[in-house]
Amino acid sequence: MRIKVKPFAMARSIVGQSELEIDLPEGATVKDAFDLISARFPKLSQIKSMQFSVNLEYSNPAATLHDGDELALIPPVSGG
């Protein structure tokens, strides 16, 4: 299956693009997708408290993904 990945903020800086597509086996989870992306961009795994959204709804790492899903990588936001 193929999903779209949209990294935001610091994650976008690490990935270097606003969107990418990845192929995963059927039954893959959000964590599986993040592990695959982190293997390609190791600095992503250094971001603490990464949040995930699947199809515009917050999701947990154990959630199962489906073909055509959109996974957003949302690092913590700071500033003031």
Protein backbone atom coordinates (compact mmCIF):
# COMPACT_ATOMS: atom_id res chain seq x y z
CA MET A 1 0.00 0.00 0.00
CA ARG A 2 1.07 3.58 -0.52
CA ILE A 3 0.53 6.49 1.87
CA LYS A 4 1.33 10.20 1.84
CA VAL A 5 3.46 11.61 4.62
CA LYS A 6 3.33 15.30 5.53
CA PRO A 7 6.04 16.43 7.96
CA PHE A 8 5.50 19.73 9.78
CA ALA A 9 7.80 22.29 11.44
CA MET A 10 11.13 20.75 12.51
CA ALA A 11 10.24 17.44 10.84
CA ARG A 12 9.81 19.23 7.50
CA SER A 13 13.25 20.82 7.91
CA ILE A 14 14.80 17.40 8.46
CA VAL A 15 13.00 15.74 5.55
CA GLY A 16 13.56 18.70 3.25
CA GLN A 17 10.18 18.53 1.54
CA SER A 18 6.55 19.16 2.43
CA GLU A 19 5.25 15.77 1.32
CA LEU A 20 6.51 12.34 0.39
CA GLU A 21 4.96 9.00 -0.48
CA ILE A 22 6.06 5.68 0.97
CA ASP A 23 5.15 2.06 0.32
CA LEU A 24 4.27 -0.18 3.27
CA PRO A 25 2.99 -3.73 3.60
CA GLU A 26 -0.71 -4.27 4.29
CA GLY A 27 -1.47 -4.03 8.00
CA ALA A 28 1.37 -1.59 8.72
CA THR A 29 0.95 0.80 11.63
CA VAL A 30 1.78 4.45 12.19
CA LYS A 31 4.86 3.28 14.11
CA ASP A 32 5.95 1.10 11.16
CA ALA A 33 5.68 4.11 8.86
CA PHE A 34 7.58 6.35 11.26
CA ASP A 35 10.31 3.73 11.67
CA LEU A 36 10.69 3.49 7.88
CA ILE A 37 10.88 7.27 7.49
CA SER A 38 13.28 7.57 10.45
CA ALA A 39 15.59 5.03 8.85
CA ARG A 40 15.79 7.33 5.82
CA PHE A 41 16.01 10.52 7.93
CA PRO A 42 17.66 9.47 11.25
CA LYS A 43 17.36 12.92 12.87
CA LEU A 44 13.58 12.44 13.01
CA SER A 45 13.99 9.83 15.74
CA GLN A 46 15.68 12.49 17.91
CA ILE A 47 12.48 14.54 18.12
CA LYS A 48 10.84 13.87 21.47
CA SER A 49 7.05 13.75 21.84
CA MET A 50 6.27 13.41 18.12
CA GLN A 51 2.52 13.39 17.50
CA PHE A 52 0.79 11.75 14.55
CA SER A 53 -2.33 12.46 12.58
CA VAL A 54 -3.98 10.09 10.11
CA ASN A 55 -6.41 11.68 7.67
CA LEU A 56 -6.58 14.87 9.79
CA GLU A 57 -7.33 13.10 13.09
CA TYR A 58 -4.81 12.60 15.88
CA SER A 59 -3.69 9.00 16.02
CA ASN A 60 -1.55 6.74 18.16
CA PRO A 61 1.48 4.79 16.93
CA ALA A 62 -0.40 1.47 17.05
CA ALA A 63 -3.10 2.59 14.59
CA THR A 64 -3.30 0.57 11.39
CA LEU A 65 -2.79 2.45 8.13
CA HIS A 66 -4.67 1.87 4.87
CA ASP A 67 -3.84 2.49 1.23
CA GLY A 68 -4.17 6.19 0.40
CA ASP A 69 -3.98 7.41 4.01
CA GLU A 70 -2.29 10.70 4.84
CA LEU A 71 0.08 10.58 7.81
CA ALA A 72 1.15 13.88 9.35
CA LEU A 73 4.27 14.11 11.53
CA ILE A 74 3.69 16.79 14.14
CA PRO A 75 6.66 17.66 16.39
CA PRO A 76 6.15 19.65 19.59
CA VAL A 77 5.76 23.38 19.05
CA SER A 78 7.58 25.92 21.18
CA GLY A 79 8.00 29.64 21.16
CA GLY A 80 6.23 32.62 22.46
